[in-house]
Amino acid sequence: MPNWCENDVYIEGPTKAMNHFLDTYCERDPERSDNFCRICFGKIIPIEQMPDEEGKCKGFAQIEHQVERWGCKWDSGGYELMIQKTSRPGAGDDGESVDEIEIHGTMDTPWGPPEHVVERIREMFKNDPKLAGCCLNEWFYKEPGMELAGWL
């Protein structure tokens, strides 16, 4: 059983850009009317199937590859992040309200935080015009079993 790392996540941005992020890089919870999601690490940083000595892709070689690519052992699992629509009065160019979407909550990852995924999300928000205005405001991790914690 791995040590579990808790990740406090807070992402926000304009509705159109955040819907693009959700539709392209996340998976919405089909059982809770689209109010919860998970970030799909494999959609942000795709991984290759790495066969082990016996030709199986579920062995240590695969796990090691995922740790190298994402920073953690497995992709995110449960639909632990909440999707919330908000409006910021006076935030528009002409002082009008701006509709936004926030993704926030705590999710668990095995062995550590998904450092490389977080780096990639920041790059996408900076460089992809379809994600203009999106911001990863917070990603704080704590891994009590190893006495580690920090901001990404």
C-alpha atoms as a PDB file:
ATOM      1  CA  MET A   1       0.000   0.000   0.000  1.00  0.00           C
ATOM      2  CA  PRO A   2       1.504   3.360  -0.971  1.00  0.00           C
ATOM      3  CA  ASN A   3       1.872   6.394   1.192  1.00  0.00           C
ATOM      4  CA  TRP A   4      -0.914   8.763   0.208  1.00  0.00           C
ATOM      5  CA  CYS A   5      -0.237  12.399  -0.533  1.00  0.00           C
ATOM      6  CA  GLU A   6      -3.020  14.941  -0.018  1.00  0.00           C
ATOM      7  CA  ASN A   7      -3.193  17.688  -2.662  1.00  0.00           C
ATOM      8  CA  ASP A   8      -5.176  20.878  -2.031  1.00  0.00           C
ATOM      9  CA  VAL A   9      -6.061  22.271  -5.466  1.00  0.00           C
ATOM     10  CA  TYR A  10      -7.578  25.605  -6.518  1.00  0.00           C
ATOM     11  CA  ILE A  11      -7.866  26.510 -10.220  1.00  0.00           C
ATOM     12  CA  GLU A  12     -10.010  29.295 -11.696  1.00  0.00           C
ATOM     13  CA  GLY A  13     -10.626  31.088 -14.945  1.00  0.00           C
ATOM     14  CA  PRO A  14     -13.153  32.446 -17.419  1.00  0.00           C
ATOM     15  CA  THR A  15     -16.053  30.104 -18.113  1.00  0.00           C
ATOM     16  CA  LYS A  16     -15.185  29.381 -21.762  1.00  0.00           C
ATOM     17  CA  ALA A  17     -11.517  28.633 -21.028  1.00  0.00           C
ATOM     18  CA  MET A  18     -12.274  26.546 -17.947  1.00  0.00           C
ATOM     19  CA  ASN A  19     -14.891  24.524 -19.841  1.00  0.00           C
ATOM     20  CA  HIS A  20     -12.190  23.819 -22.430  1.00  0.00           C
ATOM     21  CA  PHE A  21      -9.833  22.683 -19.631  1.00  0.00           C
ATOM     22  CA  LEU A  22     -12.554  20.504 -18.097  1.00  0.00           C
ATOM     23  CA  ASP A  23     -13.595  18.963 -21.425  1.00  0.00           C
ATOM     24  CA  THR A  24     -10.039  18.340 -22.629  1.00  0.00           C
ATOM     25  CA  TYR A  25      -8.014  17.455 -19.515  1.00  0.00           C
ATOM     26  CA  CYS A  26     -10.522  16.384 -16.871  1.00  0.00           C
ATOM     27  CA  GLU A  27     -13.326  13.922 -16.435  1.00  0.00           C
ATOM     28  CA  ARG A  28     -16.610  15.005 -14.887  1.00  0.00           C
ATOM     29  CA  ASP A  29     -18.348  12.765 -12.382  1.00  0.00           C
ATOM     30  CA  PRO A  30     -21.286  11.143 -14.202  1.00  0.00           C
ATOM     31  CA  GLU A  31     -23.095  10.406 -10.925  1.00  0.00           C
ATOM     32  CA  ARG A  32     -23.065  13.891  -9.382  1.00  0.00           C
ATOM     33  CA  SER A  33     -24.524  16.013 -12.186  1.00  0.00           C
ATOM     34  CA  ASP A  34     -21.212  17.486 -13.381  1.00  0.00           C
ATOM     35  CA  ASN A  35     -20.465  19.176 -10.039  1.00  0.00           C
ATOM     36  CA  PHE A  36     -17.308  17.130  -9.408  1.00  0.00           C
ATOM     37  CA  CYS A  37     -14.348  16.120 -11.532  1.00  0.00           C
ATOM     38  CA  ARG A  38     -10.922  14.588 -11.556  1.00  0.00           C
ATOM     39  CA  ILE A  39      -7.870  15.893 -13.392  1.00  0.00           C
ATOM     40  CA  CYS A  40      -6.674  13.191 -15.810  1.00  0.00           C
ATOM     41  CA  PHE A  41      -2.888  13.138 -15.669  1.00  0.00           C
ATOM     42  CA  GLY A  42      -2.707  10.937 -18.777  1.00  0.00           C
ATOM     43  CA  LYS A  43      -4.528  13.606 -20.807  1.00  0.00           C
ATOM     44  CA  ILE A  44      -2.091  16.298 -19.651  1.00  0.00           C
ATOM     45  CA  ILE A  45       1.084  14.224 -19.988  1.00  0.00           C
ATOM     46  CA  PRO A  46       0.428  11.070 -22.007  1.00  0.00           C
ATOM     47  CA  ILE A  47       2.359   7.973 -21.023  1.00  0.00           C
ATOM     48  CA  GLU A  48       3.603   5.081 -23.072  1.00  0.00           C
ATOM     49  CA  GLN A  49       2.953   1.467 -22.222  1.00  0.00           C
ATOM     50  CA  MET A  50       6.201   0.156 -20.753  1.00  0.00           C
ATOM     51  CA  PRO A  51       6.396  -3.642 -20.836  1.00  0.00           C
ATOM     52  CA  ASP A  52       8.409  -5.344 -18.117  1.00  0.00           C
ATOM     53  CA  GLU A  53      10.740  -8.334 -18.582  1.00  0.00           C
ATOM     54  CA  GLU A  54       7.714 -10.584 -19.114  1.00  0.00           C
ATOM     55  CA  GLY A  55       6.098  -8.232 -21.627  1.00  0.00           C
ATOM     56  CA  LYS A  56       3.369  -7.067 -19.221  1.00  0.00           C
ATOM     57  CA  CYS A  57       2.543  -3.360 -18.994  1.00  0.00           C
ATOM     58  CA  LYS A  58       1.369  -3.467 -15.386  1.00  0.00           C
ATOM     59  CA  GLY A  59       4.689  -4.167 -13.707  1.00  0.00           C
ATOM     60  CA  PHE A  60       7.257  -1.993 -12.017  1.00  0.00           C
ATOM     61  CA  ALA A  61       8.529  -0.638 -15.355  1.00  0.00           C
ATOM     62  CA  GLN A  62       5.110   0.932 -15.990  1.00  0.00           C
ATOM     63  CA  ILE A  63       4.874   2.413 -12.490  1.00  0.00           C
ATOM     64  CA  GLU A  64       8.415   3.785 -12.721  1.00  0.00           C
ATOM     65  CA  HIS A  65       7.574   5.413 -16.082  1.00  0.00           C
ATOM     66  CA  GLN A  66       4.446   7.046 -14.608  1.00  0.00           C
ATOM     67  CA  VAL A  67       6.433   8.394 -11.639  1.00  0.00           C
ATOM     68  CA  GLU A  68       9.010   9.844 -14.052  1.00  0.00           C
ATOM     69  CA  ARG A  69       6.352  11.460 -16.263  1.00  0.00           C
ATOM     70  CA  TRP A  70       3.806  12.634 -13.661  1.00  0.00           C
ATOM     71  CA  GLY A  71       5.641  12.682 -10.327  1.00  0.00           C
ATOM     72  CA  CYS A  72       3.330  10.081  -8.764  1.00  0.00           C
ATOM     73  CA  LYS A  73       2.541   6.387  -9.124  1.00  0.00           C
ATOM     74  CA  TRP A  74      -0.967   6.435 -10.652  1.00  0.00           C
ATOM     75  CA  ASP A  75      -3.377   8.787 -12.366  1.00  0.00           C
ATOM     76  CA  SER A  76      -5.903  10.568 -10.157  1.00  0.00           C
ATOM     77  CA  GLY A  77      -8.723   8.280  -9.122  1.00  0.00           C
ATOM     78  CA  GLY A  78     -11.869   9.643  -7.569  1.00  0.00           C
ATOM     79  CA  TYR A  79     -13.996  12.619  -8.504  1.00  0.00           C
ATOM     80  CA  GLU A  80     -12.812  14.671  -5.541  1.00  0.00           C
ATOM     81  CA  LEU A  81     -12.612  18.187  -6.987  1.00  0.00           C
ATOM     82  CA  MET A  82     -15.667  20.440  -6.964  1.00  0.00           C
ATOM     83  CA  ILE A  83     -16.677  22.509  -9.996  1.00  0.00           C
ATOM     84  CA  GLN A  84     -18.275  25.814  -9.032  1.00  0.00           C
ATOM     85  CA  LYS A  85     -19.591  28.648 -11.202  1.00  0.00           C
ATOM     86  CA  THR A  86     -18.914  32.147  -9.905  1.00  0.00           C
ATOM     87  CA  SER A  87     -19.174  35.732 -11.073  1.00  0.00           C
ATOM     88  CA  ARG A  88     -16.708  38.542 -10.378  1.00  0.00           C
ATOM     89  CA  PRO A  89     -18.497  41.907 -10.458  1.00  0.00           C
ATOM     90  CA  GLY A  90     -16.532  44.690 -12.140  1.00  0.00           C
ATOM     91  CA  ALA A  91     -13.709  42.425 -13.326  1.00  0.00           C
ATOM     92  CA  GLY A  92     -14.340  42.904 -17.066  1.00  0.00           C
ATOM     93  CA  ASP A  93     -12.632  45.427 -19.316  1.00  0.00           C
ATOM     94  CA  ASP A  94     -15.635  47.766 -19.154  1.00  0.00           C
ATOM     95  CA  GLY A  95     -16.413  47.092 -15.516  1.00  0.00           C
ATOM     96  CA  GLU A  96     -18.931  44.381 -16.310  1.00  0.00           C
ATOM     97  CA  SER A  97     -19.169  41.107 -14.388  1.00  0.00           C
ATOM     98  CA  VAL A  98     -17.075  38.174 -15.546  1.00  0.00           C
ATOM     99  CA  ASP A  99     -18.440  34.645 -15.230  1.00  0.00           C
ATOM    100  CA  GLU A 100     -15.847  32.153 -14.053  1.00  0.00           C
ATOM    101  CA  ILE A 101     -15.490  28.521 -13.079  1.00  0.00           C
ATOM    102  CA  GLU A 102     -13.471  27.318 -10.093  1.00  0.00           C
ATOM    103  CA  ILE A 103     -12.148  23.814  -9.536  1.00  0.00           C
ATOM    104  CA  HIS A 104     -11.194  23.233  -5.916  1.00  0.00           C
ATOM    105  CA  GLY A 105     -10.851  20.558  -3.292  1.00  0.00           C
ATOM    106  CA  THR A 106      -8.496  17.909  -1.970  1.00  0.00           C
ATOM    107  CA  MET A 107      -7.382  14.878  -3.949  1.00  0.00           C
ATOM    108  CA  ASP A 108      -5.081  12.012  -3.042  1.00  0.00           C
ATOM    109  CA  THR A 109      -2.128  10.768  -5.077  1.00  0.00           C
ATOM    110  CA  PRO A 110       0.180   7.828  -4.294  1.00  0.00           C
ATOM    111  CA  TRP A 111       3.820   8.299  -3.306  1.00  0.00           C
ATOM    112  CA  GLY A 112       3.891  12.056  -3.774  1.00  0.00           C
ATOM    113  CA  PRO A 113       2.413  15.036  -5.583  1.00  0.00           C
ATOM    114  CA  PRO A 114       2.073  15.092  -9.384  1.00  0.00           C
ATOM    115  CA  GLU A 115       4.815  17.705  -9.751  1.00  0.00           C
ATOM    116  CA  HIS A 116       5.286  17.336 -13.503  1.00  0.00           C
ATOM    117  CA  VAL A 117       1.542  17.525 -14.138  1.00  0.00           C
ATOM    118  CA  VAL A 118       1.336  20.781 -12.166  1.00  0.00           C
ATOM    119  CA  GLU A 119       4.277  22.224 -14.133  1.00  0.00           C
ATOM    120  CA  ARG A 120       2.556  21.259 -17.390  1.00  0.00           C
ATOM    121  CA  ILE A 121      -0.774  22.809 -16.325  1.00  0.00           C
ATOM    122  CA  ARG A 122       1.008  26.096 -15.565  1.00  0.00           C
ATOM    123  CA  GLU A 123       2.695  25.987 -19.006  1.00  0.00           C
ATOM    124  CA  MET A 124      -0.638  25.312 -20.732  1.00  0.00           C
ATOM    125  CA  PHE A 125      -2.334  28.195 -18.903  1.00  0.00           C
ATOM    126  CA  LYS A 126       0.503  30.493 -19.938  1.00  0.00           C
ATOM    127  CA  ASN A 127       0.848  29.401 -23.587  1.00  0.00           C
ATOM    128  CA  ASP A 128      -2.471  28.000 -24.844  1.00  0.00           C
ATOM    129  CA  PRO A 129      -4.811  30.754 -26.116  1.00  0.00           C
ATOM    130  CA  LYS A 130      -7.817  28.486 -25.471  1.00  0.00           C
ATOM    131  CA  LEU A 131      -6.910  28.565 -21.758  1.00  0.00           C
ATOM    132  CA  ALA A 132      -6.299  32.333 -21.578  1.00  0.00           C
ATOM    133  CA  GLY A 133      -7.145  33.750 -18.168  1.00  0.00           C
ATOM    134  CA  CYS A 134      -6.958  30.404 -16.348  1.00  0.00           C
ATOM    135  CA  CYS A 135      -4.851  30.325 -13.220  1.00  0.00           C
ATOM    136  CA  LEU A 136      -3.625  27.544 -10.971  1.00  0.00           C
ATOM    137  CA  ASN A 137      -3.865  29.540  -7.740  1.00  0.00           C
ATOM    138  CA  GLU A 138      -2.976  26.800  -5.300  1.00  0.00           C
ATOM    139  CA  TRP A 139      -1.488  23.333  -5.250  1.00  0.00           C
ATOM    140  CA  PHE A 140      -0.343  22.424  -1.753  1.00  0.00           C
ATOM    141  CA  TYR A 141       0.655  18.881  -0.932  1.00  0.00           C
ATOM    142  CA  LYS A 142       1.290  17.047   2.314  1.00  0.00           C
ATOM    143  CA  GLU A 143       2.532  13.522   2.664  1.00  0.00           C
ATOM    144  CA  PRO A 144       2.394  12.761   6.403  1.00  0.00           C
ATOM    145  CA  GLY A 145       3.933   9.283   6.067  1.00  0.00           C
ATOM    146  CA  MET A 146       7.185  10.821   4.804  1.00  0.00           C
ATOM    147  CA  GLU A 147       6.847  14.130   6.699  1.00  0.00           C
ATOM    148  CA  LEU A 148       6.799  16.140   3.462  1.00  0.00           C
ATOM    149  CA  ALA A 149       4.730  19.194   2.557  1.00  0.00           C
ATOM    150  CA  GLY A 150       5.014  22.129   0.213  1.00  0.00           C
ATOM    151  CA  TRP A 151       3.655  24.327  -2.544  1.00  0.00           C
ATOM    152  CA  LEU A 152       3.889  23.458  -6.212  1.00  0.00           C
END
